[in-house]
Amino acid sequence: MTKRILIALTSHGELGSTGRPTGFYVSEAAHPWEVFTAAGYEVDLVSVAGGEPPRDGTDLNDPAQRRFLESAAVTSTPRPDQVDPSRYDAILFAGGHGAMWDFPGNTGLAALARAIYADGGVVSAVCHGPAGLVGLTLEDGTALVAGRRVAAFTNEEEAAVGLTDVVPFSLADRLSELGATHVPGPDWQPQVIRDGRLVTGQNPQSAHRVAEEVLAALKPTA
């Protein structure tokens, strides 16, 4: 049976009313993609609107990003309703500020993640990717993050990039309101939390370790 992991990307390209572009943060998809493919997984992409999602933070001096943009089907992603969740062992919500606008409450992405989790798979997210966990409920209607420890982009990091008043809400605060325990680490340092089959990371620096923890969570227990 083929092992597959799905990476979800934002399709939102406008940073509020600033006139500045945003999108998915390329390293937050590229570094996990490299870890997953090296471990023998096939990795597919999905985006909110399909097609070619907008990018942010592209660094072509990063070999992983170059390989990802050359090898992954970044220009022709399907929409969530075009994806069969039964084919996937895990889903990763990649970040980028765009995710704060179109991930929360997106019923298509939530349905994919809910089905993967219900089938014993892993749900993961990094940086602003945990916005995809907002509105994500289990089959009994409870929030997936309720009672769980999570990492996500912190209020301090949001202030440091000057976007506290631009993003539609505080991600850390919203996760806490949903019943999660937000566990912040130092700014711009890797911080990854694995709570059962939920894996979350705080910032772009956490993306590689998030992927490693996803693989650890997928290993069968003795």
C-alpha atoms as a PDB file:
ATOM      1  CA  MET A   1       0.000   0.000   0.000  1.00  0.00           C
ATOM      2  CA  THR A   2       1.391   3.374  -1.019  1.00  0.00           C
ATOM      3  CA  LYS A   3       2.214   5.728   1.834  1.00  0.00           C
ATOM      4  CA  ARG A   4       0.931   9.248   1.201  1.00  0.00           C
ATOM      5  CA  ILE A   5       0.874  12.574   3.012  1.00  0.00           C
ATOM      6  CA  LEU A   6      -1.142  15.628   2.013  1.00  0.00           C
ATOM      7  CA  ILE A   7       0.144  19.201   2.439  1.00  0.00           C
ATOM      8  CA  ALA A   8      -2.541  21.910   2.549  1.00  0.00           C
ATOM      9  CA  LEU A   9      -1.754  25.412   1.254  1.00  0.00           C
ATOM     10  CA  THR A  10      -3.532  28.745   1.531  1.00  0.00           C
ATOM     11  CA  SER A  11      -4.915  30.432  -1.569  1.00  0.00           C
ATOM     12  CA  HIS A  12      -5.148  33.861   0.086  1.00  0.00           C
ATOM     13  CA  GLY A  13      -2.697  36.354  -1.404  1.00  0.00           C
ATOM     14  CA  GLU A  14      -3.498  39.697   0.233  1.00  0.00           C
ATOM     15  CA  LEU A  15      -2.155  40.794   3.607  1.00  0.00           C
ATOM     16  CA  GLY A  16      -5.290  42.456   4.935  1.00  0.00           C
ATOM     17  CA  SER A  17      -5.610  46.020   3.652  1.00  0.00           C
ATOM     18  CA  THR A  18      -1.857  46.699   3.613  1.00  0.00           C
ATOM     19  CA  GLY A  19      -1.512  46.240  -0.140  1.00  0.00           C
ATOM     20  CA  ARG A  20       1.250  43.713   0.522  1.00  0.00           C
ATOM     21  CA  PRO A  21       1.185  40.204  -0.895  1.00  0.00           C
ATOM     22  CA  THR A  22       1.200  37.012   1.115  1.00  0.00           C
ATOM     23  CA  GLY A  23       0.493  33.327   0.540  1.00  0.00           C
ATOM     24  CA  PHE A  24       1.916  30.063   1.794  1.00  0.00           C
ATOM     25  CA  TYR A  25       5.391  30.290   3.313  1.00  0.00           C
ATOM     26  CA  VAL A  26       7.408  28.121   0.957  1.00  0.00           C
ATOM     27  CA  SER A  27       9.854  26.672   3.489  1.00  0.00           C
ATOM     28  CA  GLU A  28       6.974  25.446   5.641  1.00  0.00           C
ATOM     29  CA  ALA A  29       5.859  23.195   2.805  1.00  0.00           C
ATOM     30  CA  ALA A  30       9.270  22.478   1.261  1.00  0.00           C
ATOM     31  CA  HIS A  31      11.097  21.270   4.359  1.00  0.00           C
ATOM     32  CA  PRO A  32       8.364  18.817   5.396  1.00  0.00           C
ATOM     33  CA  TRP A  33       8.018  17.711   1.773  1.00  0.00           C
ATOM     34  CA  GLU A  34      11.711  16.846   1.742  1.00  0.00           C
ATOM     35  CA  VAL A  35      11.519  14.949   5.048  1.00  0.00           C
ATOM     36  CA  PHE A  36       8.447  13.008   3.947  1.00  0.00           C
ATOM     37  CA  THR A  37       9.749  12.100   0.502  1.00  0.00           C
ATOM     38  CA  ALA A  38      13.099  11.008   1.950  1.00  0.00           C
ATOM     39  CA  ALA A  39      11.159   8.654   4.223  1.00  0.00           C
ATOM     40  CA  GLY A  40       9.477   7.029   1.234  1.00  0.00           C
ATOM     41  CA  TYR A  41       6.153   8.846   1.264  1.00  0.00           C
ATOM     42  CA  GLU A  42       4.390  10.214  -1.781  1.00  0.00           C
ATOM     43  CA  VAL A  43       3.425  13.797  -1.027  1.00  0.00           C
ATOM     44  CA  ASP A  44       0.511  15.582  -2.656  1.00  0.00           C
ATOM     45  CA  LEU A  45      -0.619  19.181  -2.368  1.00  0.00           C
ATOM     46  CA  VAL A  46      -4.055  20.694  -1.954  1.00  0.00           C
ATOM     47  CA  SER A  47      -5.038  24.366  -1.789  1.00  0.00           C
ATOM     48  CA  VAL A  48      -8.201  26.163  -0.802  1.00  0.00           C
ATOM     49  CA  ALA A  49      -9.007  27.422  -4.308  1.00  0.00           C
ATOM     50  CA  GLY A  50      -6.958  24.969  -6.376  1.00  0.00           C
ATOM     51  CA  GLY A  51      -4.564  25.918  -9.149  1.00  0.00           C
ATOM     52  CA  GLU A  52      -1.351  27.758  -8.291  1.00  0.00           C
ATOM     53  CA  PRO A  53      -1.450  29.184  -4.782  1.00  0.00           C
ATOM     54  CA  PRO A  54       0.349  32.447  -3.936  1.00  0.00           C
ATOM     55  CA  ARG A  55       3.757  32.145  -2.293  1.00  0.00           C
ATOM     56  CA  ASP A  56       5.504  34.040   0.445  1.00  0.00           C
ATOM     57  CA  GLY A  57       9.045  33.896   1.773  1.00  0.00           C
ATOM     58  CA  THR A  58      10.544  32.121  -1.230  1.00  0.00           C
ATOM     59  CA  ASP A  59      14.298  31.621  -0.886  1.00  0.00           C
ATOM     60  CA  LEU A  60      15.834  29.944  -3.919  1.00  0.00           C
ATOM     61  CA  ASN A  61      19.179  29.777  -2.107  1.00  0.00           C
ATOM     62  CA  ASP A  62      17.546  27.083   0.008  1.00  0.00           C
ATOM     63  CA  PRO A  63      18.080  23.776  -1.851  1.00  0.00           C
ATOM     64  CA  ALA A  64      14.965  22.237  -0.278  1.00  0.00           C
ATOM     65  CA  GLN A  65      12.792  25.061  -1.598  1.00  0.00           C
ATOM     66  CA  ARG A  66      14.336  24.780  -5.060  1.00  0.00           C
ATOM     67  CA  ARG A  67      13.706  21.039  -5.157  1.00  0.00           C
ATOM     68  CA  PHE A  68      10.156  21.468  -3.889  1.00  0.00           C
ATOM     69  CA  LEU A  69       9.254  24.116  -6.459  1.00  0.00           C
ATOM     70  CA  GLU A  70      10.824  22.046  -9.247  1.00  0.00           C
ATOM     71  CA  SER A  71       9.396  18.663  -8.252  1.00  0.00           C
ATOM     72  CA  ALA A  72       6.082  19.175  -6.473  1.00  0.00           C
ATOM     73  CA  ALA A  73       2.966  20.014  -8.480  1.00  0.00           C
ATOM     74  CA  VAL A  74       2.781  23.530  -7.055  1.00  0.00           C
ATOM     75  CA  THR A  75       1.207  25.116 -10.119  1.00  0.00           C
ATOM     76  CA  SER A  76      -1.756  22.751 -10.410  1.00  0.00           C
ATOM     77  CA  THR A  77      -3.057  21.896  -6.965  1.00  0.00           C
ATOM     78  CA  PRO A  78      -6.552  20.426  -6.545  1.00  0.00           C
ATOM     79  CA  ARG A  79      -9.289  21.870  -4.356  1.00  0.00           C
ATOM     80  CA  PRO A  80     -10.255  19.994  -1.179  1.00  0.00           C
ATOM     81  CA  ASP A  81     -13.414  18.602  -2.785  1.00  0.00           C
ATOM     82  CA  GLN A  82     -11.244  16.966  -5.462  1.00  0.00           C
ATOM     83  CA  VAL A  83      -9.177  14.981  -2.939  1.00  0.00           C
ATOM     84  CA  ASP A  84      -9.953  11.532  -1.515  1.00  0.00           C
ATOM     85  CA  PRO A  85      -8.888  11.560   2.152  1.00  0.00           C
ATOM     86  CA  SER A  86      -8.784   7.762   2.335  1.00  0.00           C
ATOM     87  CA  ARG A  87      -5.557   7.823   0.310  1.00  0.00           C
ATOM     88  CA  TYR A  88      -3.587   9.700   3.008  1.00  0.00           C
ATOM     89  CA  ASP A  89      -1.850   8.761   6.237  1.00  0.00           C
ATOM     90  CA  ALA A  90      -1.448  12.371   7.392  1.00  0.00           C
ATOM     91  CA  ILE A  91      -2.217  15.973   6.541  1.00  0.00           C
ATOM     92  CA  LEU A  92       0.001  18.991   7.185  1.00  0.00           C
ATOM     93  CA  PHE A  93      -1.402  22.513   7.211  1.00  0.00           C
ATOM     94  CA  ALA A  94       1.506  24.669   6.013  1.00  0.00           C
ATOM     95  CA  GLY A  95       1.637  28.250   7.216  1.00  0.00           C
ATOM     96  CA  GLY A  96       2.100  31.647   5.721  1.00  0.00           C
ATOM     97  CA  HIS A  97      -0.014  34.594   6.793  1.00  0.00           C
ATOM     98  CA  GLY A  98      -2.558  33.884   4.070  1.00  0.00           C
ATOM     99  CA  ALA A  99      -3.736  30.867   6.051  1.00  0.00           C
ATOM    100  CA  MET A 100      -5.174  33.192   8.684  1.00  0.00           C
ATOM    101  CA  TRP A 101      -7.858  34.294   6.218  1.00  0.00           C
ATOM    102  CA  ASP A 102      -8.926  31.169   4.345  1.00  0.00           C
ATOM    103  CA  PHE A 103      -8.051  28.184   6.560  1.00  0.00           C
ATOM    104  CA  PRO A 104     -10.366  28.854   9.538  1.00  0.00           C
ATOM    105  CA  GLY A 105     -13.761  27.317   9.056  1.00  0.00           C
ATOM    106  CA  ASN A 106     -12.949  25.987   5.578  1.00  0.00           C
ATOM    107  CA  THR A 107     -15.321  23.047   5.415  1.00  0.00           C
ATOM    108  CA  GLY A 108     -13.444  21.263   2.638  1.00  0.00           C
ATOM    109  CA  LEU A 109     -10.091  21.221   4.394  1.00  0.00           C
ATOM    110  CA  ALA A 110     -11.772  20.388   7.701  1.00  0.00           C
ATOM    111  CA  ALA A 111     -13.525  17.428   6.121  1.00  0.00           C
ATOM    112  CA  LEU A 112     -10.235  16.101   4.751  1.00  0.00           C
ATOM    113  CA  ALA A 113      -8.469  16.419   8.097  1.00  0.00           C
ATOM    114  CA  ARG A 114     -11.409  14.972  10.040  1.00  0.00           C
ATOM    115  CA  ALA A 115     -11.555  11.921   7.787  1.00  0.00           C
ATOM    116  CA  ILE A 116      -7.802  11.327   7.917  1.00  0.00           C
ATOM    117  CA  TYR A 117      -7.813  11.607  11.705  1.00  0.00           C
ATOM    118  CA  ALA A 118     -10.872   9.369  12.087  1.00  0.00           C
ATOM    119  CA  ASP A 119      -9.096   6.725  10.026  1.00  0.00           C
ATOM    120  CA  GLY A 120      -6.149   6.709  12.440  1.00  0.00           C
ATOM    121  CA  GLY A 121      -4.029   9.248  10.599  1.00  0.00           C
ATOM    122  CA  VAL A 122      -2.057  12.251  11.798  1.00  0.00           C
ATOM    123  CA  VAL A 123      -3.130  15.903  11.651  1.00  0.00           C
ATOM    124  CA  SER A 124      -0.293  18.428  11.745  1.00  0.00           C
ATOM    125  CA  ALA A 125       0.270  22.143  11.240  1.00  0.00           C
ATOM    126  CA  VAL A 126       3.093  24.673  11.440  1.00  0.00           C
ATOM    127  CA  CYS A 127       3.360  28.416  12.150  1.00  0.00           C
ATOM    128  CA  HIS A 128       0.077  29.967  10.913  1.00  0.00           C
ATOM    129  CA  GLY A 129      -1.004  26.567   9.595  1.00  0.00           C
ATOM    130  CA  PRO A 130      -2.805  25.825  12.886  1.00  0.00           C
ATOM    131  CA  ALA A 131      -5.422  28.277  11.616  1.00  0.00           C
ATOM    132  CA  GLY A 132      -6.634  25.157   9.817  1.00  0.00           C
ATOM    133  CA  LEU A 133      -7.424  23.671  13.216  1.00  0.00           C
ATOM    134  CA  VAL A 134      -9.853  26.505  13.965  1.00  0.00           C
ATOM    135  CA  GLY A 135     -13.277  25.056  13.256  1.00  0.00           C
ATOM    136  CA  LEU A 136     -11.896  21.534  12.845  1.00  0.00           C
ATOM    137  CA  THR A 137     -14.124  19.250  14.874  1.00  0.00           C
ATOM    138  CA  LEU A 138     -14.163  15.535  15.501  1.00  0.00           C
ATOM    139  CA  GLU A 139     -17.084  13.377  14.434  1.00  0.00           C
ATOM    140  CA  ASP A 140     -18.801  14.052  17.769  1.00  0.00           C
ATOM    141  CA  GLY A 141     -18.597  17.807  17.208  1.00  0.00           C
ATOM    142  CA  THR A 142     -15.864  18.629  19.722  1.00  0.00           C
ATOM    143  CA  ALA A 143     -12.903  20.728  18.634  1.00  0.00           C
ATOM    144  CA  LEU A 144      -9.900  18.608  17.691  1.00  0.00           C
ATOM    145  CA  VAL A 145      -7.625  20.845  19.754  1.00  0.00           C
ATOM    146  CA  ALA A 146      -9.780  20.767  22.909  1.00  0.00           C
ATOM    147  CA  GLY A 147      -7.731  19.418  25.792  1.00  0.00           C
ATOM    148  CA  ARG A 148      -4.600  19.185  23.641  1.00  0.00           C
ATOM    149  CA  ARG A 149      -1.218  20.858  23.921  1.00  0.00           C
ATOM    150  CA  VAL A 150      -0.358  22.827  20.781  1.00  0.00           C
ATOM    151  CA  ALA A 151       2.286  25.116  19.323  1.00  0.00           C
ATOM    152  CA  ALA A 152       1.540  27.959  16.911  1.00  0.00           C
ATOM    153  CA  PHE A 153       2.849  31.369  15.889  1.00  0.00           C
ATOM    154  CA  THR A 154       2.922  33.376  19.101  1.00  0.00           C
ATOM    155  CA  ASN A 155       1.550  36.806  19.904  1.00  0.00           C
ATOM    156  CA  GLU A 156       5.126  37.940  20.509  1.00  0.00           C
ATOM    157  CA  GLU A 157       6.242  36.785  17.070  1.00  0.00           C
ATOM    158  CA  GLU A 158       3.212  38.428  15.457  1.00  0.00           C
ATOM    159  CA  ALA A 159       4.122  41.687  17.190  1.00  0.00           C
ATOM    160  CA  ALA A 160       7.729  41.326  16.083  1.00  0.00           C
ATOM    161  CA  VAL A 161       6.694  41.228  12.420  1.00  0.00           C
ATOM    162  CA  GLY A 162       4.316  44.151  12.961  1.00  0.00           C
ATOM    163  CA  LEU A 163       1.132  42.336  11.971  1.00  0.00           C
ATOM    164  CA  THR A 164      -0.806  42.109  15.225  1.00  0.00           C
ATOM    165  CA  ASP A 165      -3.380  44.600  13.952  1.00  0.00           C
ATOM    166  CA  VAL A 166      -3.419  43.168  10.423  1.00  0.00           C
ATOM    167  CA  VAL A 167      -4.257  39.508  11.003  1.00  0.00           C
ATOM    168  CA  PRO A 168      -7.962  38.840  11.586  1.00  0.00           C
ATOM    169  CA  PHE A 169      -7.355  37.335  15.038  1.00  0.00           C
ATOM    170  CA  SER A 170      -4.645  36.102  17.384  1.00  0.00           C
ATOM    171  CA  LEU A 171      -3.970  32.490  16.464  1.00  0.00           C
ATOM    172  CA  ALA A 172      -2.574  31.567  19.887  1.00  0.00           C
ATOM    173  CA  ASP A 173      -5.551  33.131  21.658  1.00  0.00           C
ATOM    174  CA  ARG A 174      -8.115  31.506  19.379  1.00  0.00           C
ATOM    175  CA  LEU A 175      -6.634  28.040  19.914  1.00  0.00           C
ATOM    176  CA  SER A 176      -6.759  28.638  23.663  1.00  0.00           C
ATOM    177  CA  GLU A 177     -10.404  29.709  23.388  1.00  0.00           C
ATOM    178  CA  LEU A 178     -11.127  26.374  21.695  1.00  0.00           C
ATOM    179  CA  GLY A 179      -9.780  24.520  24.730  1.00  0.00           C
ATOM    180  CA  ALA A 180      -6.175  23.968  23.677  1.00  0.00           C
ATOM    181  CA  THR A 181      -3.162  24.637  25.865  1.00  0.00           C
ATOM    182  CA  HIS A 182      -0.870  26.825  23.794  1.00  0.00           C
ATOM    183  CA  VAL A 183       2.761  26.069  24.655  1.00  0.00           C
ATOM    184  CA  PRO A 184       5.013  28.877  23.373  1.00  0.00           C
ATOM    185  CA  GLY A 185       8.761  28.586  22.947  1.00  0.00           C
ATOM    186  CA  PRO A 186      11.344  31.324  22.414  1.00  0.00           C
ATOM    187  CA  ASP A 187      10.789  33.562  19.399  1.00  0.00           C
ATOM    188  CA  TRP A 188      12.128  32.141  16.119  1.00  0.00           C
ATOM    189  CA  GLN A 189      13.385  28.925  17.730  1.00  0.00           C
ATOM    190  CA  PRO A 190      12.025  25.474  16.877  1.00  0.00           C
ATOM    191  CA  GLN A 191       9.088  24.540  19.086  1.00  0.00           C
ATOM    192  CA  VAL A 192       7.157  21.388  18.236  1.00  0.00           C
ATOM    193  CA  ILE A 193       4.447  19.681  20.269  1.00  0.00           C
ATOM    194  CA  ARG A 194       3.200  16.157  19.582  1.00  0.00           C
ATOM    195  CA  ASP A 195       0.028  15.289  21.470  1.00  0.00           C
ATOM    196  CA  GLY A 196      -1.067  11.882  20.267  1.00  0.00           C
ATOM    197  CA  ARG A 197      -1.835  12.115  16.566  1.00  0.00           C
ATOM    198  CA  LEU A 198      -1.796  15.927  16.574  1.00  0.00           C
ATOM    199  CA  VAL A 199       1.551  17.576  15.744  1.00  0.00           C
ATOM    200  CA  THR A 200       2.014  21.342  15.740  1.00  0.00           C
ATOM    201  CA  GLY A 201       4.951  23.723  15.320  1.00  0.00           C
ATOM    202  CA  GLN A 202       5.413  27.367  16.228  1.00  0.00           C
ATOM    203  CA  ASN A 203       7.227  29.031  13.335  1.00  0.00           C
ATOM    204  CA  PRO A 204       9.110  28.395  10.082  1.00  0.00           C
ATOM    205  CA  GLN A 205      12.092  27.164  12.084  1.00  0.00           C
ATOM    206  CA  SER A 206       9.885  24.337  13.378  1.00  0.00           C
ATOM    207  CA  ALA A 207       8.851  22.909   9.992  1.00  0.00           C
ATOM    208  CA  HIS A 208      11.555  20.247   9.711  1.00  0.00           C
ATOM    209  CA  ARG A 209      10.935  18.920  13.200  1.00  0.00           C
ATOM    210  CA  VAL A 210       7.185  18.923  12.680  1.00  0.00           C
ATOM    211  CA  ALA A 211       7.692  16.573   9.753  1.00  0.00           C
ATOM    212  CA  GLU A 212       9.952  14.325  11.813  1.00  0.00           C
ATOM    213  CA  GLU A 213       7.340  14.162  14.576  1.00  0.00           C
ATOM    214  CA  VAL A 214       4.640  13.322  12.017  1.00  0.00           C
ATOM    215  CA  LEU A 215       6.732  10.375  10.881  1.00  0.00           C
ATOM    216  CA  ALA A 216       7.249   9.332  14.504  1.00  0.00           C
ATOM    217  CA  ALA A 217       3.498   9.501  15.121  1.00  0.00           C
ATOM    218  CA  LEU A 218       2.881   7.335  12.042  1.00  0.00           C
ATOM    219  CA  LYS A 219       5.151   4.545  13.232  1.00  0.00           C
ATOM    220  CA  PRO A 220       3.128   1.545  14.410  1.00  0.00           C
ATOM    221  CA  THR A 221       3.295   0.927  18.124  1.00  0.00           C
ATOM    222  CA  ALA A 222       4.656  -2.365  19.336  1.00  0.00           C
END
